[in-house]
Amino acid sequence: MKILGLLRHAKSDWDDMNQRDFDRGLNARGRKGAALIGAHIRDHGVKWDKLIASPAVRVKLTLEGALPEMAPTFDQKLYLASADTIIETIEAHAASSAEEPGAILVAGHNPGLQDVLLELVSPAKENDLFREAVVKFPTAAYAVLECDIEHWSQLKRYCAELVHLARPRDLDPALGPEN
């Protein structure tokens, strides 16, 4: 079994409408959400062997605020990537590792990350967490999937179960959608 984590970047800053999408940072709510979800990820207990991330500024700032102790591998292909591209990128990075990682965390963007959930989670294993993630995979959401595979090259449709989902609003209601 392999463990796949998905982390969406925290709430981005839209103050400067002339700024390129790639260069947008985080707003105050995003910085708080990143710190909260980072503490949760560390407390949750999965030891991530590899962190692969989009190089977009908002992803980098999310990781700096959430997981400063981790050394991400930035991959341009993950910037606004589709589910297929995310899965191909995971497989490529796993294959290039000296030792195949057991747990990979991917940090990036929607709709790609949410689409990975839809692609990988087996209908037979859809649960309440899955139903929540399907409705919305908000900024700074963190999901953990258990993948019934021996090697990352076997990552395919319906091979996984969503076993954990956390959003900043779950950790601090003040970060909920109505605030």
C-alpha atoms as a PDB file:
ATOM      1  CA  MET A   1       0.000   0.000   0.000  1.00  0.00           C
ATOM      2  CA  LYS A   2       1.107   3.565  -0.783  1.00  0.00           C
ATOM      3  CA  ILE A   3      -0.044   6.777   0.902  1.00  0.00           C
ATOM      4  CA  LEU A   4      -0.862   9.837  -1.208  1.00  0.00           C
ATOM      5  CA  GLY A   5      -1.413  13.241   0.334  1.00  0.00           C
ATOM      6  CA  LEU A   6      -2.969  16.216  -1.414  1.00  0.00           C
ATOM      7  CA  LEU A   7      -2.507  19.767  -0.137  1.00  0.00           C
ATOM      8  CA  ARG A   8      -4.153  22.682  -1.889  1.00  0.00           C
ATOM      9  CA  HIS A   9      -2.444  26.067  -1.555  1.00  0.00           C
ATOM     10  CA  ALA A  10      -3.841  28.463   1.049  1.00  0.00           C
ATOM     11  CA  LYS A  11      -6.078  31.463   0.281  1.00  0.00           C
ATOM     12  CA  SER A  12      -4.374  33.669  -2.282  1.00  0.00           C
ATOM     13  CA  ASP A  13      -4.074  37.443  -2.390  1.00  0.00           C
ATOM     14  CA  TRP A  14      -6.065  39.224  -5.082  1.00  0.00           C
ATOM     15  CA  ASP A  15      -5.196  42.821  -4.046  1.00  0.00           C
ATOM     16  CA  ASP A  16      -3.074  43.472  -7.145  1.00  0.00           C
ATOM     17  CA  MET A  17      -5.203  42.572 -10.177  1.00  0.00           C
ATOM     18  CA  ASN A  18      -2.259  43.354 -12.493  1.00  0.00           C
ATOM     19  CA  GLN A  19      -0.148  40.593 -10.962  1.00  0.00           C
ATOM     20  CA  ARG A  20       0.326  37.372 -12.931  1.00  0.00           C
ATOM     21  CA  ASP A  21      -1.620  34.423 -11.515  1.00  0.00           C
ATOM     22  CA  PHE A  22       1.627  32.498 -10.975  1.00  0.00           C
ATOM     23  CA  ASP A  23       3.031  35.329  -8.802  1.00  0.00           C
ATOM     24  CA  ARG A  24       0.095  35.818  -6.423  1.00  0.00           C
ATOM     25  CA  GLY A  25       0.948  35.401  -2.758  1.00  0.00           C
ATOM     26  CA  LEU A  26      -1.263  34.675   0.243  1.00  0.00           C
ATOM     27  CA  ASN A  27      -3.646  36.980   2.062  1.00  0.00           C
ATOM     28  CA  ALA A  28      -3.837  37.143   5.884  1.00  0.00           C
ATOM     29  CA  ARG A  29      -6.467  34.391   6.020  1.00  0.00           C
ATOM     30  CA  GLY A  30      -4.245  32.241   3.795  1.00  0.00           C
ATOM     31  CA  ARG A  31      -1.208  32.685   6.040  1.00  0.00           C
ATOM     32  CA  LYS A  32      -3.272  31.696   9.092  1.00  0.00           C
ATOM     33  CA  GLY A  33      -4.793  28.724   7.239  1.00  0.00           C
ATOM     34  CA  ALA A  34      -1.354  27.528   6.117  1.00  0.00           C
ATOM     35  CA  ALA A  35       0.009  27.609   9.658  1.00  0.00           C
ATOM     36  CA  LEU A  36      -3.035  25.763  11.043  1.00  0.00           C
ATOM     37  CA  ILE A  37      -3.052  23.054   8.397  1.00  0.00           C
ATOM     38  CA  GLY A  38       0.719  22.630   8.759  1.00  0.00           C
ATOM     39  CA  ALA A  39       0.391  21.973  12.493  1.00  0.00           C
ATOM     40  CA  HIS A  40      -2.403  19.528  11.715  1.00  0.00           C
ATOM     41  CA  ILE A  41      -0.318  17.700   9.098  1.00  0.00           C
ATOM     42  CA  ARG A  42       2.558  17.305  11.554  1.00  0.00           C
ATOM     43  CA  ASP A  43       0.178  16.084  14.306  1.00  0.00           C
ATOM     44  CA  HIS A  44      -1.717  13.752  11.988  1.00  0.00           C
ATOM     45  CA  GLY A  45       1.196  11.337  11.990  1.00  0.00           C
ATOM     46  CA  VAL A  46       1.941  10.446   8.370  1.00  0.00           C
ATOM     47  CA  LYS A  47       5.672  10.629   7.686  1.00  0.00           C
ATOM     48  CA  TRP A  48       5.954  11.996   4.162  1.00  0.00           C
ATOM     49  CA  ASP A  49       8.879  10.556   2.221  1.00  0.00           C
ATOM     50  CA  LYS A  50       8.584  13.046  -0.630  1.00  0.00           C
ATOM     51  CA  LEU A  51       6.924  16.413  -1.199  1.00  0.00           C
ATOM     52  CA  ILE A  52       6.282  17.436  -4.804  1.00  0.00           C
ATOM     53  CA  ALA A  53       4.895  20.916  -5.395  1.00  0.00           C
ATOM     54  CA  SER A  54       3.859  23.470  -7.947  1.00  0.00           C
ATOM     55  CA  PRO A  55       6.389  26.323  -8.073  1.00  0.00           C
ATOM     56  CA  ALA A  56       3.650  29.004  -7.977  1.00  0.00           C
ATOM     57  CA  VAL A  57       4.332  31.664  -5.343  1.00  0.00           C
ATOM     58  CA  ARG A  58       1.142  30.878  -3.393  1.00  0.00           C
ATOM     59  CA  VAL A  59       2.146  27.209  -3.130  1.00  0.00           C
ATOM     60  CA  LYS A  60       5.679  28.089  -2.022  1.00  0.00           C
ATOM     61  CA  LEU A  61       4.328  30.486   0.635  1.00  0.00           C
ATOM     62  CA  THR A  62       1.814  27.867   1.805  1.00  0.00           C
ATOM     63  CA  LEU A  63       4.619  25.362   2.284  1.00  0.00           C
ATOM     64  CA  GLU A  64       6.848  27.919   4.026  1.00  0.00           C
ATOM     65  CA  GLY A  65       4.022  28.626   6.483  1.00  0.00           C
ATOM     66  CA  ALA A  66       2.810  25.062   6.847  1.00  0.00           C
ATOM     67  CA  LEU A  67       5.787  22.740   6.481  1.00  0.00           C
ATOM     68  CA  PRO A  68       9.015  24.764   6.672  1.00  0.00           C
ATOM     69  CA  GLU A  69      10.960  21.670   7.773  1.00  0.00           C
ATOM     70  CA  MET A  70      10.230  19.826   4.510  1.00  0.00           C
ATOM     71  CA  ALA A  71      12.295  20.231   1.358  1.00  0.00           C
ATOM     72  CA  PRO A  72       9.889  20.237  -1.580  1.00  0.00           C
ATOM     73  CA  THR A  73      10.745  19.232  -5.107  1.00  0.00           C
ATOM     74  CA  PHE A  74       9.167  21.890  -7.313  1.00  0.00           C
ATOM     75  CA  ASP A  75       7.840  20.753 -10.663  1.00  0.00           C
ATOM     76  CA  GLN A  76       6.490  23.244 -13.211  1.00  0.00           C
ATOM     77  CA  LYS A  77       4.129  20.571 -14.568  1.00  0.00           C
ATOM     78  CA  LEU A  78       2.084  20.833 -11.349  1.00  0.00           C
ATOM     79  CA  TYR A  79       1.149  24.480 -11.933  1.00  0.00           C
ATOM     80  CA  LEU A  80      -2.625  24.348 -12.622  1.00  0.00           C
ATOM     81  CA  ALA A  81      -2.206  20.668 -13.600  1.00  0.00           C
ATOM     82  CA  SER A  82      -4.975  18.269 -14.582  1.00  0.00           C
ATOM     83  CA  ALA A  83      -5.518  15.055 -12.646  1.00  0.00           C
ATOM     84  CA  ASP A  84      -3.755  13.074 -15.393  1.00  0.00           C
ATOM     85  CA  THR A  85      -0.709  15.355 -15.236  1.00  0.00           C
ATOM     86  CA  ILE A  86      -0.600  15.156 -11.419  1.00  0.00           C
ATOM     87  CA  ILE A  87      -0.707  11.346 -11.537  1.00  0.00           C
ATOM     88  CA  GLU A  88       1.979  11.220 -14.258  1.00  0.00           C
ATOM     89  CA  THR A  89       4.154  13.600 -12.207  1.00  0.00           C
ATOM     90  CA  ILE A  90       3.808  11.436  -9.088  1.00  0.00           C
ATOM     91  CA  GLU A  91       4.798   8.348 -11.081  1.00  0.00           C
ATOM     92  CA  ALA A  92       7.788  10.125 -12.658  1.00  0.00           C
ATOM     93  CA  HIS A  93       9.138  11.440  -9.349  1.00  0.00           C
ATOM     94  CA  ALA A  94       8.677   8.071  -7.641  1.00  0.00           C
ATOM     95  CA  ALA A  95      10.517   6.312 -10.474  1.00  0.00           C
ATOM     96  CA  SER A  96      13.413   8.773 -10.277  1.00  0.00           C
ATOM     97  CA  SER A  97      13.921   8.258  -6.531  1.00  0.00           C
ATOM     98  CA  ALA A  98      16.780   6.066  -5.387  1.00  0.00           C
ATOM     99  CA  GLU A  99      14.300   4.206  -3.189  1.00  0.00           C
ATOM    100  CA  GLU A 100      10.597   4.229  -4.033  1.00  0.00           C
ATOM    101  CA  PRO A 101       8.789   6.427  -1.492  1.00  0.00           C
ATOM    102  CA  GLY A 102       5.956   4.929   0.509  1.00  0.00           C
ATOM    103  CA  ALA A 103       4.218   8.252   1.141  1.00  0.00           C
ATOM    104  CA  ILE A 104       4.092  11.184  -1.290  1.00  0.00           C
ATOM    105  CA  LEU A 105       2.533  14.566  -0.560  1.00  0.00           C
ATOM    106  CA  VAL A 106       1.560  16.750  -3.543  1.00  0.00           C
ATOM    107  CA  ALA A 107       0.979  20.492  -3.078  1.00  0.00           C
ATOM    108  CA  GLY A 108      -0.811  22.349  -5.817  1.00  0.00           C
ATOM    109  CA  HIS A 109      -4.042  23.714  -7.217  1.00  0.00           C
ATOM    110  CA  ASN A 110      -7.652  22.987  -7.983  1.00  0.00           C
ATOM    111  CA  PRO A 111      -9.422  21.694  -9.933  1.00  0.00           C
ATOM    112  CA  GLY A 112      -6.619  19.170 -10.483  1.00  0.00           C
ATOM    113  CA  LEU A 113      -6.241  18.030  -6.878  1.00  0.00           C
ATOM    114  CA  GLN A 114      -9.981  17.524  -6.429  1.00  0.00           C
ATOM    115  CA  ASP A 115     -10.076  15.673  -9.751  1.00  0.00           C
ATOM    116  CA  VAL A 116      -7.353  13.314  -8.471  1.00  0.00           C
ATOM    117  CA  LEU A 117      -9.711  12.374  -5.626  1.00  0.00           C
ATOM    118  CA  LEU A 118     -12.535  11.750  -8.076  1.00  0.00           C
ATOM    119  CA  GLU A 119     -10.271   9.653 -10.288  1.00  0.00           C
ATOM    120  CA  LEU A 120      -8.593   7.522  -7.626  1.00  0.00           C
ATOM    121  CA  VAL A 121     -11.261   6.859  -5.005  1.00  0.00           C
ATOM    122  CA  SER A 122     -13.179   3.685  -5.690  1.00  0.00           C
ATOM    123  CA  PRO A 123     -16.977   4.032  -5.764  1.00  0.00           C
ATOM    124  CA  ALA A 124     -17.083   1.044  -3.407  1.00  0.00           C
ATOM    125  CA  LYS A 125     -15.014   3.067  -0.906  1.00  0.00           C
ATOM    126  CA  GLU A 126     -16.812   6.392  -1.117  1.00  0.00           C
ATOM    127  CA  ASN A 127     -17.472   7.617   2.413  1.00  0.00           C
ATOM    128  CA  ASP A 128     -18.568  10.795   4.197  1.00  0.00           C
ATOM    129  CA  LEU A 129     -15.097  12.324   3.800  1.00  0.00           C
ATOM    130  CA  PHE A 130     -15.207  11.699   0.066  1.00  0.00           C
ATOM    131  CA  ARG A 131     -18.663  13.237  -0.237  1.00  0.00           C
ATOM    132  CA  GLU A 132     -17.417  16.377   1.557  1.00  0.00           C
ATOM    133  CA  ALA A 133     -14.326  16.625  -0.661  1.00  0.00           C
ATOM    134  CA  VAL A 134     -16.430  16.236  -3.801  1.00  0.00           C
ATOM    135  CA  VAL A 135     -18.641  19.175  -2.821  1.00  0.00           C
ATOM    136  CA  LYS A 136     -15.633  21.406  -2.190  1.00  0.00           C
ATOM    137  CA  PHE A 137     -11.890  20.982  -1.801  1.00  0.00           C
ATOM    138  CA  PRO A 138     -11.183  24.485  -0.472  1.00  0.00           C
ATOM    139  CA  THR A 139      -7.928  26.362  -0.112  1.00  0.00           C
ATOM    140  CA  ALA A 140      -5.462  24.754   2.316  1.00  0.00           C
ATOM    141  CA  ALA A 141      -7.443  21.502   2.281  1.00  0.00           C
ATOM    142  CA  TYR A 142      -5.415  18.406   3.144  1.00  0.00           C
ATOM    143  CA  ALA A 143      -6.451  14.908   2.098  1.00  0.00           C
ATOM    144  CA  VAL A 144      -4.853  11.506   2.645  1.00  0.00           C
ATOM    145  CA  LEU A 145      -5.553   8.550   0.380  1.00  0.00           C
ATOM    146  CA  GLU A 146      -4.571   4.950   0.971  1.00  0.00           C
ATOM    147  CA  CYS A 147      -3.741   3.481  -2.419  1.00  0.00           C
ATOM    148  CA  ASP A 148      -4.053  -0.274  -2.860  1.00  0.00           C
ATOM    149  CA  ILE A 149      -0.886  -0.535  -4.961  1.00  0.00           C
ATOM    150  CA  GLU A 150       2.653  -1.832  -4.491  1.00  0.00           C
ATOM    151  CA  HIS A 151       4.357   0.647  -6.817  1.00  0.00           C
ATOM    152  CA  TRP A 152       3.485   4.200  -7.859  1.00  0.00           C
ATOM    153  CA  SER A 153       3.482   3.055 -11.474  1.00  0.00           C
ATOM    154  CA  GLN A 154       0.227   1.243 -10.602  1.00  0.00           C
ATOM    155  CA  LEU A 155      -1.551   4.462  -9.590  1.00  0.00           C
ATOM    156  CA  LYS A 156      -4.795   4.281 -11.536  1.00  0.00           C
ATOM    157  CA  ARG A 157      -8.517   4.871 -11.423  1.00  0.00           C
ATOM    158  CA  TYR A 158     -10.334   3.509  -8.354  1.00  0.00           C
ATOM    159  CA  CYS A 159      -7.249   2.238  -6.514  1.00  0.00           C
ATOM    160  CA  ALA A 160      -7.705   4.355  -3.396  1.00  0.00           C
ATOM    161  CA  GLU A 161      -9.768   5.233  -0.357  1.00  0.00           C
ATOM    162  CA  LEU A 162      -9.922   8.693   1.201  1.00  0.00           C
ATOM    163  CA  VAL A 163      -9.002   8.145   4.854  1.00  0.00           C
ATOM    164  CA  HIS A 164      -8.485  11.700   6.080  1.00  0.00           C
ATOM    165  CA  LEU A 165      -9.685  15.179   5.172  1.00  0.00           C
ATOM    166  CA  ALA A 166      -8.956  18.418   7.007  1.00  0.00           C
ATOM    167  CA  ARG A 167      -9.702  22.021   6.086  1.00  0.00           C
ATOM    168  CA  PRO A 168      -8.702  25.182   7.932  1.00  0.00           C
ATOM    169  CA  ARG A 169     -12.361  25.786   8.883  1.00  0.00           C
ATOM    170  CA  ASP A 170     -12.359  22.376  10.616  1.00  0.00           C
ATOM    171  CA  LEU A 171      -9.480  23.577  12.793  1.00  0.00           C
ATOM    172  CA  ASP A 172     -10.710  27.151  13.315  1.00  0.00           C
ATOM    173  CA  PRO A 173     -14.368  27.986  12.522  1.00  0.00           C
ATOM    174  CA  ALA A 174     -13.351  31.644  12.042  1.00  0.00           C
ATOM    175  CA  LEU A 175     -11.747  30.500   8.768  1.00  0.00           C
ATOM    176  CA  GLY A 176     -15.045  29.121   7.476  1.00  0.00           C
ATOM    177  CA  PRO A 177     -16.692  30.243   4.258  1.00  0.00           C
ATOM    178  CA  GLU A 178     -19.082  32.635   5.946  1.00  0.00           C
ATOM    179  CA  ASN A 179     -16.241  34.639   7.522  1.00  0.00           C
END
